[in-house]
């Protein structure tokens, strides 16, 4: 056998890379992570998942958003104090997370090598370090590799980014701005999350999306309910509209010309229409691996292998769903396959969570997808206003939707919009994975008062329309 420096080398210290490293270490393998950032954690910790969710919680706290049903909006502290409070919480949270990650990797004997990695062969990486202006380089060999470099914001040339009034999501995560008005370009997860955060701060928001719908992968009824809530709050949606041109006025504020001739003016523009793989200078051509136009890598979705069998890829770099939770599982599965450990694929087990205000969560089939697959379905809907907990919270606008298979009464999908959706979805996840259905949910006892009762309400809603067995005389 050829001797290598490591059994497994991972490029990137985000969720996929960390989970893969710890899994491989637990299998008794020698492991190293190569990361070119000052602190470990990747996009998830520093510019993506954790910052946006921390900012969201901070905004909910400083604005009293959750209590708005019971009291009129009171005059809040000044903008500067709010901004300082949010950014202070963000800094503390990210610092704590980095400490936890460093500790986990150290306990599992995962070595962290700082520097920029580039393939020089199918079993070899060249690592370049830049310390205090001095460049050094060295090589690392390994039996298997995992590419988990994540993504970065897509920055098309026709958008006049300037870091102040025309920005991307990385800039928001670094220091939450407080403009008097903002236009968000992109109706995907990132754009919608930030649009609702700014709206909660009572900042006028316009969302521009080239497609006819926002969040196209979410059940239509859930999106319809969500859009209704957004428009009630004054968020302006410009759907099916593309940007023809953006110019800056004398104050550097963006003027946006849409393809229908309309003009939008705001103090700031946040561009969130897509992300690209961070594959620059990775040397993929040296190992015969190609990426698509957005820098994403194609893998076998069962094994996570690229076209080069000893090189795996996981996380945002391989595309949808590009969530921290799914990235971690992909990293674990890649490490297991690399070293001959059987992988248990659990079908629809990955929940989707969108941390907008209000939250959205989904698992399994949507109603539309279920019907396209040939299922005969019955739908159960519960509105949070039908639960006592919803009234206690003052949050009566959310809803939970269950998709049931008429043939065997099994639960096919759950879709939620409203307070706590990203937590509630895991009840549906367990029921789906354990082949439960309408009978379990309608007969089960849930704590009272809880939002979880919505599952029982939805099950009974569907049950009332199911064919009833005929009783013998």
Protein backbone atom coordinates (compact mmCIF):
# COMPACT_ATOMS: atom_id res chain seq x y z
CA UNK A 1 0.00 0.00 0.00
CA UNK A 2 1.03 3.58 -0.65
CA UNK A 3 1.70 5.60 2.47
CA UNK A 4 -0.26 8.84 2.78
CA UNK A 5 0.01 11.67 5.27
CA UNK A 6 -3.68 11.20 6.13
CA UNK A 7 -6.50 8.79 5.43
CA UNK A 8 -8.97 11.61 4.85
CA UNK A 9 -8.37 15.28 4.06
CA UNK A 10 -11.27 17.73 3.95
CA UNK A 11 -11.15 21.07 2.16
CA UNK A 12 -13.41 23.46 4.07
CA UNK A 13 -14.40 23.76 7.71
CA UNK A 14 -18.14 24.29 7.34
CA UNK A 15 -20.93 21.94 8.50
CA UNK A 16 -20.25 19.23 5.89
CA UNK A 17 -16.49 19.27 6.46
CA UNK A 18 -16.69 19.22 10.26
CA UNK A 19 -19.24 16.40 10.39
CA UNK A 20 -17.24 14.34 7.88
CA UNK A 21 -14.02 14.88 9.83
CA UNK A 22 -15.53 13.79 13.15
CA UNK A 23 -17.20 10.76 11.56
CA UNK A 24 -13.97 9.62 9.90
CA UNK A 25 -12.05 10.12 13.14
CA UNK A 26 -14.56 7.98 15.03
CA UNK A 27 -13.87 5.27 12.45
CA UNK A 28 -10.23 5.34 13.49
CA UNK A 29 -8.93 7.29 10.50
CA UNK A 30 -6.31 10.03 10.48
CA UNK A 31 -8.04 13.25 9.44
CA UNK A 32 -7.15 16.84 8.61
CA UNK A 33 -9.25 19.86 7.67
CA UNK A 34 -7.72 22.51 5.42
CA UNK A 35 -9.34 25.92 5.79
CA UNK A 36 -8.18 29.34 4.63
CA UNK A 37 -10.30 31.43 7.01
CA UNK A 38 -9.05 33.03 10.22
CA UNK A 39 -11.53 31.02 12.29
CA UNK A 40 -13.05 27.61 11.63
CA UNK A 41 -16.75 27.34 10.81
CA UNK A 42 -17.19 28.18 7.15
CA UNK A 43 -20.00 30.22 5.61
CA UNK A 44 -22.51 28.65 8.01
CA UNK A 45 -20.89 30.23 11.07
CA UNK A 46 -19.49 33.46 9.70
CA UNK A 47 -21.70 34.78 6.87
CA UNK A 48 -24.65 32.43 6.41
CA UNK A 49 -26.79 30.29 8.68
CA UNK A 50 -25.77 31.38 12.17
CA UNK A 51 -25.44 35.13 11.53
CA UNK A 52 -28.82 35.46 9.83
CA UNK A 53 -30.59 33.42 12.51
CA UNK A 54 -28.87 35.34 15.31
CA UNK A 55 -29.80 38.65 13.67
CA UNK A 56 -33.38 37.37 13.37
CA UNK A 57 -33.63 36.52 17.08
CA UNK A 58 -32.04 39.84 18.03
CA UNK A 59 -34.53 41.76 15.90
CA UNK A 60 -37.46 39.85 17.41
CA UNK A 61 -36.11 40.72 20.84
CA UNK A 62 -35.35 44.41 20.39
CA UNK A 63 -38.58 45.13 18.51
CA UNK A 64 -40.91 43.12 20.76
CA UNK A 65 -42.28 41.51 17.60
CA UNK A 66 -43.76 38.47 19.35
CA UNK A 67 -45.78 40.71 21.71
CA UNK A 68 -47.15 43.05 19.06
CA UNK A 69 -50.63 41.49 19.20
CA UNK A 70 -51.10 42.59 22.80
CA UNK A 71 -49.66 46.08 22.77
CA UNK A 72 -49.30 48.97 20.43
CA UNK A 73 -45.87 49.57 19.04
CA UNK A 74 -43.97 51.54 21.63
CA UNK A 75 -41.21 53.97 20.81
CA UNK A 76 -38.05 51.97 20.67
CA UNK A 77 -34.51 52.95 21.49
CA UNK A 78 -32.57 54.81 18.86
CA UNK A 79 -31.36 53.14 15.68
CA UNK A 80 -27.76 53.18 16.88
CA UNK A 81 -28.62 51.42 20.15
CA UNK A 82 -30.62 48.77 18.31
CA UNK A 83 -27.83 48.22 15.82
CA UNK A 84 -25.23 47.95 18.59
CA UNK A 85 -27.41 45.47 20.50
CA UNK A 86 -27.90 43.24 17.45
CA UNK A 87 -24.24 43.29 16.41
CA UNK A 88 -23.08 42.63 19.99
CA UNK A 89 -25.28 39.54 20.22
CA UNK A 90 -24.03 38.42 16.82
CA UNK A 91 -20.38 38.75 17.83
CA UNK A 92 -20.90 36.84 21.09
CA UNK A 93 -22.86 34.04 19.45
CA UNK A 94 -20.35 33.46 16.66
CA UNK A 95 -17.43 33.56 19.08
CA UNK A 96 -19.08 30.95 21.30
CA UNK A 97 -19.80 28.74 18.30
CA UNK A 98 -16.19 28.84 17.10
CA UNK A 99 -15.00 27.78 20.58
CA UNK A 100 -17.38 24.81 20.54
CA UNK A 101 -16.23 23.75 17.06
CA UNK A 102 -12.54 24.02 17.97
CA UNK A 103 -13.16 21.90 21.07
CA UNK A 104 -15.09 19.23 19.14
CA UNK A 105 -12.39 18.88 16.50
CA UNK A 106 -9.61 18.78 19.10
CA UNK A 107 -11.40 16.07 21.12
CA UNK A 108 -11.68 13.98 17.97
CA UNK A 109 -8.02 14.42 16.99
CA UNK A 110 -8.83 16.30 13.80
CA UNK A 111 -5.92 18.43 12.71
CA UNK A 112 -6.65 21.88 11.28
CA UNK A 113 -4.25 23.12 8.60
CA UNK A 114 -4.54 26.79 7.71
CA UNK A 115 -4.08 27.72 4.08
CA UNK A 116 -5.51 27.59 0.58
CA UNK A 117 -5.66 24.12 -0.96
CA UNK A 118 -5.14 23.22 -4.61
CA UNK A 119 -5.13 19.76 -6.15
CA UNK A 120 -1.82 18.77 -7.73
CA UNK A 121 -2.83 15.13 -8.19
CA UNK A 122 -5.62 12.71 -7.28
CA UNK A 123 -3.93 12.00 -3.94
CA UNK A 124 -2.09 15.27 -3.40
CA UNK A 125 -2.81 18.86 -2.40
CA UNK A 126 -0.58 21.90 -2.49
CA UNK A 127 -1.26 24.19 0.48
CA UNK A 128 -0.35 27.87 0.31
CA UNK A 129 -0.16 29.93 3.49
CA UNK A 130 0.12 33.68 3.84
CA UNK A 131 1.27 34.84 7.27
CA UNK A 132 2.19 38.47 7.89
CA UNK A 133 2.82 39.01 4.19
CA UNK A 134 5.10 35.98 3.91
CA UNK A 135 3.97 33.17 1.61
CA UNK A 136 4.91 29.58 2.30
CA UNK A 137 3.72 26.33 0.76
CA UNK A 138 3.74 22.63 1.49
CA UNK A 139 2.07 19.46 0.23
CA UNK A 140 -0.35 17.01 1.82
CA UNK A 141 -1.26 13.55 0.57
CA UNK A 142 -4.32 11.50 1.42
CA UNK A 143 -6.14 8.36 0.42
CA UNK A 144 -9.52 10.12 0.21
CA UNK A 145 -10.61 13.76 -0.06
CA UNK A 146 -13.83 15.66 0.59
CA UNK A 147 -14.52 18.99 -1.11
CA UNK A 148 -16.70 21.04 1.24
CA UNK A 149 -15.74 24.58 0.29
CA UNK A 150 -19.29 25.94 0.25
CA UNK A 151 -20.50 28.89 -1.80
CA UNK A 152 -20.23 32.66 -1.99
CA UNK A 153 -22.70 35.31 -3.17
CA UNK A 154 -23.26 35.55 -6.93
CA UNK A 155 -22.12 39.03 -8.03
CA UNK A 156 -23.10 39.69 -11.66
CA UNK A 157 -21.17 42.42 -13.46
CA UNK A 158 -24.25 44.56 -14.14
CA UNK A 159 -24.89 45.09 -10.41
CA UNK A 160 -22.87 48.10 -9.09
CA UNK A 161 -21.81 46.61 -5.74
CA UNK A 162 -20.14 49.21 -3.53
CA UNK A 163 -20.30 47.65 -0.07
CA UNK A 164 -22.47 50.45 1.36
CA UNK A 165 -25.69 51.03 -0.57
CA UNK A 166 -25.52 48.05 -2.97
CA UNK A 167 -24.55 44.98 -1.00
CA UNK A 168 -24.74 41.18 -0.85
CA UNK A 169 -25.69 38.90 2.06
CA UNK A 170 -22.09 38.66 3.31
CA UNK A 171 -22.12 42.40 3.99
CA UNK A 172 -25.38 42.14 5.97
CA UNK A 173 -24.00 39.33 8.09
CA UNK A 174 -20.85 41.30 8.88
CA UNK A 175 -22.71 44.37 10.16
CA UNK A 176 -26.49 44.72 9.97
CA UNK A 177 -27.30 48.01 8.22
CA UNK A 178 -30.28 50.19 9.13
CA UNK A 179 -31.38 51.92 5.90
CA UNK A 180 -34.52 54.04 5.68
CA UNK A 181 -35.73 51.78 2.84
CA UNK A 182 -34.39 48.68 1.08
CA UNK A 183 -34.94 46.69 -2.12
CA UNK A 184 -34.15 42.99 -1.91
CA UNK A 185 -33.37 41.31 -5.22
CA UNK A 186 -34.13 37.60 -5.02
CA UNK A 187 -37.14 35.76 -3.58
CA UNK A 188 -35.23 32.70 -2.42
CA UNK A 189 -34.46 31.65 1.14
CA UNK A 190 -31.78 34.26 1.86
CA UNK A 191 -33.67 37.15 0.29
CA UNK A 192 -36.94 36.35 2.03
CA UNK A 193 -35.27 35.84 5.41
CA UNK A 194 -33.59 39.25 5.27
CA UNK A 195 -36.64 40.97 3.74
CA UNK A 196 -38.78 39.92 6.71
CA UNK A 197 -36.05 40.86 9.20
CA UNK A 198 -35.86 44.39 7.79
CA UNK A 199 -39.65 44.58 7.76
CA UNK A 200 -39.76 43.67 11.45
CA UNK A 201 -37.52 46.69 12.02
CA UNK A 202 -40.27 48.77 10.34
CA UNK A 203 -38.03 49.47 7.34
CA UNK A 204 -40.00 49.65 4.04
CA UNK A 205 -39.08 46.61 1.92
CA UNK A 206 -39.57 45.79 -1.76
CA UNK A 207 -38.73 42.30 -3.05
CA UNK A 208 -37.93 41.80 -6.75
CA UNK A 209 -38.06 38.23 -8.06
CA UNK A 210 -37.72 37.13 -11.69
CA UNK A 211 -39.93 34.10 -11.16
CA UNK A 212 -43.70 34.26 -10.73
CA UNK A 213 -43.50 32.76 -7.23
CA UNK A 214 -41.23 33.07 -4.25
CA UNK A 215 -39.96 29.88 -2.59
CA UNK A 216 -41.09 27.66 -5.47
CA UNK A 217 -40.11 24.44 -3.67
CA UNK A 218 -42.56 25.08 -0.82
CA UNK A 219 -46.21 23.92 -0.86
CA UNK A 220 -48.44 26.46 -2.63
CA UNK A 221 -50.94 26.90 0.22
CA UNK A 222 -48.13 27.66 2.67
CA UNK A 223 -46.60 30.22 0.31
CA UNK A 224 -50.02 31.80 -0.26
CA UNK A 225 -50.55 32.19 3.49
CA UNK A 226 -47.03 33.56 3.89
CA UNK A 227 -47.41 36.07 1.05
CA UNK A 228 -50.68 37.28 2.56
CA UNK A 229 -48.88 37.96 5.84
CA UNK A 230 -46.08 39.80 4.03
CA UNK A 231 -48.44 42.07 2.12
CA UNK A 232 -50.40 42.80 5.30
CA UNK A 233 -47.14 44.09 6.77
CA UNK A 234 -46.55 46.34 3.79
CA UNK A 235 -43.82 44.35 2.06
CA UNK A 236 -44.08 45.06 -1.66
CA UNK A 237 -43.56 42.04 -3.96
CA UNK A 238 -42.55 42.55 -7.60
CA UNK A 239 -42.84 39.02 -8.98
CA UNK A 240 -42.08 37.94 -12.55
CA UNK A 241 -39.95 41.05 -12.96
CA UNK A 242 -36.33 41.32 -14.06
CA UNK A 243 -33.89 44.18 -13.58
CA UNK A 244 -32.94 46.08 -16.71
CA UNK A 245 -30.58 48.57 -15.15
CA UNK A 246 -29.36 49.92 -11.83
CA UNK A 247 -27.93 53.42 -11.46
CA UNK A 248 -26.77 55.34 -8.40
CA UNK A 249 -27.96 58.87 -7.64
CA UNK A 250 -25.89 61.70 -6.15
CA UNK A 251 -26.20 60.12 -2.70
CA UNK A 252 -25.18 56.65 -3.99
CA UNK A 253 -28.74 55.41 -3.53
CA UNK A 254 -29.85 52.83 -6.13
CA UNK A 255 -32.44 53.55 -8.81
CA UNK A 256 -33.73 50.30 -10.29
CA UNK A 257 -35.35 50.05 -13.72
CA UNK A 258 -37.48 46.91 -14.13
CA UNK A 259 -38.26 45.19 -17.42
CA UNK A 260 -41.85 46.49 -17.33
CA UNK A 261 -40.62 50.10 -17.23
CA UNK A 262 -41.28 50.67 -13.54
CA UNK A 263 -38.66 52.38 -11.42
CA UNK A 264 -37.86 51.53 -7.82
CA UNK A 265 -35.94 53.82 -5.51
CA UNK A 266 -34.59 52.94 -2.09
CA UNK A 267 -31.72 53.87 0.16
CA UNK A 268 -30.15 50.42 -0.16
CA UNK A 269 -30.23 47.37 -2.42
CA UNK A 270 -29.52 43.87 -1.13
CA UNK A 271 -28.72 41.42 -3.94
CA UNK A 272 -29.42 37.78 -3.02
CA UNK A 273 -30.21 36.22 -6.40
CA UNK A 274 -28.08 33.11 -6.19
CA UNK A 275 -24.74 31.84 -4.95
CA UNK A 276 -21.74 30.28 -6.69
CA UNK A 277 -19.36 27.53 -5.64
CA UNK A 278 -16.12 28.70 -4.03
CA UNK A 279 -13.99 26.60 -6.38
CA UNK A 280 -11.60 29.34 -7.55
CA UNK A 281 -8.03 28.06 -7.82
CA UNK A 282 -8.96 24.66 -6.41
CA UNK A 283 -7.13 22.89 -9.25
CA UNK A 284 -10.10 20.74 -10.24
CA UNK A 285 -8.75 20.50 -13.79
CA UNK A 286 -5.77 18.58 -12.40
CA UNK A 287 -8.05 15.76 -11.24
CA UNK A 288 -10.59 15.83 -14.08
CA UNK A 289 -13.49 17.25 -12.08
CA UNK A 290 -15.76 19.80 -13.77
CA UNK A 291 -18.26 22.23 -12.27
CA UNK A 292 -21.38 23.81 -13.74
CA UNK A 293 -21.89 27.48 -14.62
CA UNK A 294 -22.51 28.31 -10.95
CA UNK A 295 -19.42 26.46 -9.72
CA UNK A 296 -21.37 23.50 -8.31
CA UNK A 297 -20.01 19.95 -8.44
CA UNK A 298 -21.90 16.94 -9.73
CA UNK A 299 -21.86 13.93 -7.41
CA UNK A 300 -23.50 10.54 -7.17
CA UNK A 301 -26.27 11.41 -4.69
CA UNK A 302 -26.10 7.92 -3.14
CA UNK A 303 -22.36 7.94 -2.44
CA UNK A 304 -21.40 11.66 -2.67
CA UNK A 305 -18.51 10.69 -4.99
CA UNK A 306 -17.42 13.02 -7.78
CA UNK A 307 -16.22 11.73 -11.16
CA UNK A 308 -12.97 10.91 -9.33
CA UNK A 309 -13.92 8.00 -7.00
CA UNK A 310 -11.54 8.93 -4.16
CA UNK A 311 -12.72 12.56 -4.13
CA UNK A 312 -16.09 13.31 -2.53
CA UNK A 313 -18.10 16.54 -2.30
CA UNK A 314 -20.83 17.62 0.12
CA UNK A 315 -22.71 20.65 1.33
CA UNK A 316 -23.69 23.76 -0.58
CA UNK A 317 -21.10 23.01 -3.27
CA UNK A 318 -23.35 20.22 -4.63
CA UNK A 319 -26.51 22.35 -4.76
CA UNK A 320 -30.03 21.98 -3.38
CA UNK A 321 -31.10 21.92 -0.60
CA UNK A 322 -27.92 23.71 0.61
CA UNK A 323 -28.92 23.79 4.27
CA UNK A 324 -26.56 23.41 7.23
CA UNK A 325 -28.54 20.41 8.49
CA UNK A 326 -28.46 18.54 5.20
CA UNK A 327 -24.81 19.47 4.64
CA UNK A 328 -23.84 17.86 7.95
CA UNK A 329 -25.62 14.65 7.03
CA UNK A 330 -24.04 14.63 3.57
CA UNK A 331 -20.60 15.01 5.17
CA UNK A 332 -21.29 12.08 7.50
CA UNK A 333 -22.52 9.91 4.64
CA UNK A 334 -19.50 10.75 2.50
CA UNK A 335 -17.12 9.73 5.29
CA UNK A 336 -19.03 6.51 5.88
CA UNK A 337 -18.96 5.54 2.21
CA UNK A 338 -15.29 6.46 1.87
CA UNK A 339 -14.36 3.91 4.53
CA UNK A 340 -16.85 1.14 3.81
CA UNK A 341 -19.52 1.83 6.41
CA UNK A 342 -23.10 1.15 5.16
CA UNK A 343 -25.25 4.26 4.78
CA UNK A 344 -28.89 4.29 5.82
CA UNK A 345 -30.78 6.49 3.38
CA UNK A 346 -34.04 7.50 5.03
CA UNK A 347 -35.94 8.89 2.05
CA UNK A 348 -37.78 12.09 2.96
CA UNK A 349 -36.04 12.47 6.30
CA UNK A 350 -34.51 15.89 5.61
CA UNK A 351 -36.70 18.74 6.86
CA UNK A 352 -36.44 22.16 5.26
CA UNK A 353 -36.44 25.22 7.49
CA UNK A 354 -36.68 28.87 6.45
CA UNK A 355 -36.01 31.34 9.26
CA UNK A 356 -38.14 34.15 7.93
CA UNK A 357 -40.57 36.06 10.12
CA UNK A 358 -42.77 34.03 10.36
CA UNK A 359 -40.88 30.75 9.98
CA UNK A 360 -41.59 28.16 7.28
CA UNK A 361 -40.81 24.44 7.49
CA UNK A 362 -41.51 21.47 5.27
CA UNK A 363 -40.89 17.74 5.02
CA UNK A 364 -42.04 15.07 2.58
CA UNK A 365 -44.28 15.63 -0.41
CA UNK A 366 -46.21 18.78 -1.16
CA UNK A 367 -49.84 18.39 -2.24
CA UNK A 368 -48.90 19.15 -5.85
CA UNK A 369 -46.03 16.63 -5.89
CA UNK A 370 -48.13 13.94 -4.22
CA UNK A 371 -50.83 14.25 -6.87
CA UNK A 372 -48.25 14.25 -9.68
CA UNK A 373 -46.85 10.99 -8.27
CA UNK A 374 -50.28 9.41 -8.55
CA UNK A 375 -51.30 9.43 -4.89
CA UNK A 376 -54.93 9.89 -3.95
CA UNK A 377 -54.64 12.28 -1.06
CA UNK A 378 -56.68 13.93 1.65
CA UNK A 379 -55.56 17.22 3.12
CA UNK A 380 -55.76 18.22 6.77
CA UNK A 381 -55.29 21.86 7.73
CA UNK A 382 -54.98 23.45 11.17
CA UNK A 383 -54.76 27.17 11.70
CA UNK A 384 -52.92 28.36 14.77
CA UNK A 385 -56.01 30.42 15.67
CA UNK A 386 -57.68 27.05 16.36
CA UNK A 387 -55.21 26.31 19.16
CA UNK A 388 -55.24 27.84 22.63
CA UNK A 389 -51.48 28.28 22.47
CA UNK A 390 -51.89 30.41 19.37
CA UNK A 391 -54.17 32.77 21.29
CA UNK A 392 -51.80 32.89 24.27
CA UNK A 393 -48.94 33.85 21.96
CA UNK A 394 -51.10 36.33 20.10
CA UNK A 395 -50.02 34.56 16.95
CA UNK A 396 -53.13 33.47 15.05
CA UNK A 397 -51.90 33.71 11.48
CA UNK A 398 -49.90 30.50 11.11
CA UNK A 399 -51.10 27.20 9.65
CA UNK A 400 -50.09 23.54 9.50
CA UNK A 401 -50.95 21.37 6.53
CA UNK A 402 -50.75 17.56 6.43
CA UNK A 403 -50.87 15.40 3.29
CA UNK A 404 -52.33 11.92 3.83
CA UNK A 405 -52.43 8.93 1.46
CA UNK A 406 -56.04 7.75 1.12
CA UNK A 407 -55.02 4.15 0.36
CA UNK A 408 -53.16 3.44 3.61
CA UNK A 409 -53.82 6.62 5.67
CA UNK A 410 -50.06 7.27 5.96
CA UNK A 411 -48.62 10.76 6.34
CA UNK A 412 -46.86 11.87 3.13
CA UNK A 413 -45.87 15.43 3.98
CA UNK A 414 -46.14 18.26 6.49
CA UNK A 415 -45.88 21.97 5.71
CA UNK A 416 -45.99 24.75 8.28
CA UNK A 417 -45.88 28.55 8.35
CA UNK A 418 -45.86 30.39 11.66
CA UNK A 419 -44.22 30.66 15.05
CA UNK A 420 -42.03 27.65 15.89
CA UNK A 421 -42.46 25.99 12.48
CA UNK A 422 -38.84 24.82 12.33
CA UNK A 423 -39.27 23.01 15.67
CA UNK A 424 -42.78 21.66 15.03
CA UNK A 425 -41.72 20.02 11.76
CA UNK A 426 -39.77 17.33 13.61
CA UNK A 427 -42.99 15.74 14.88
CA UNK A 428 -44.01 15.24 11.26
CA UNK A 429 -40.53 13.98 10.44
CA UNK A 430 -40.78 11.25 13.09
CA UNK A 431 -44.29 10.20 12.03
CA UNK A 432 -43.31 9.98 8.34
CA UNK A 433 -40.11 8.01 9.01
CA UNK A 434 -41.93 5.60 11.33
CA UNK A 435 -44.71 5.07 8.76
CA UNK A 436 -47.36 6.68 10.93
CA UNK A 437 -50.40 8.48 9.68
CA UNK A 438 -53.78 9.98 10.35
CA UNK A 439 -54.78 7.46 13.03
CA UNK A 440 -51.68 8.10 15.13
CA UNK A 441 -52.08 11.87 14.95
CA UNK A 442 -55.83 11.90 15.61
CA UNK A 443 -55.58 9.47 18.55
CA UNK A 444 -52.41 10.88 20.11
CA UNK A 445 -52.49 13.14 23.17
CA UNK A 446 -50.52 16.37 22.88
CA UNK A 447 -49.67 18.68 25.76
CA UNK A 448 -52.21 21.44 26.29
CA UNK A 449 -51.83 24.24 25.43
CA UNK A 450 -49.21 23.79 22.69
CA UNK A 451 -48.86 24.59 19.01
CA UNK A 452 -48.17 20.87 18.53
CA UNK A 453 -51.90 20.32 19.01
CA UNK A 454 -52.21 21.61 15.45
CA UNK A 455 -51.20 18.12 14.27
CA UNK A 456 -54.27 16.63 15.95
CA UNK A 457 -56.51 19.39 14.59
CA UNK A 458 -55.16 18.79 11.06
CA UNK A 459 -55.59 15.03 11.36
CA UNK A 460 -59.19 15.40 12.54
CA UNK A 461 -59.85 17.89 9.75
CA UNK A 462 -58.79 15.28 7.20
CA UNK A 463 -60.49 12.43 9.09
CA UNK A 464 -63.86 14.16 8.83
CA UNK A 465 -63.70 13.84 5.04
CA UNK A 466 -62.43 10.27 4.84
CA UNK A 467 -64.84 7.53 3.66
CA UNK A 468 -66.47 5.99 6.74
CA UNK A 469 -66.85 2.20 7.06
CA UNK A 470 -70.43 1.03 6.72
CA UNK A 471 -71.84 -0.59 9.85
CA UNK A 472 -73.66 -3.92 9.59
CA UNK A 473 -77.32 -4.01 10.58
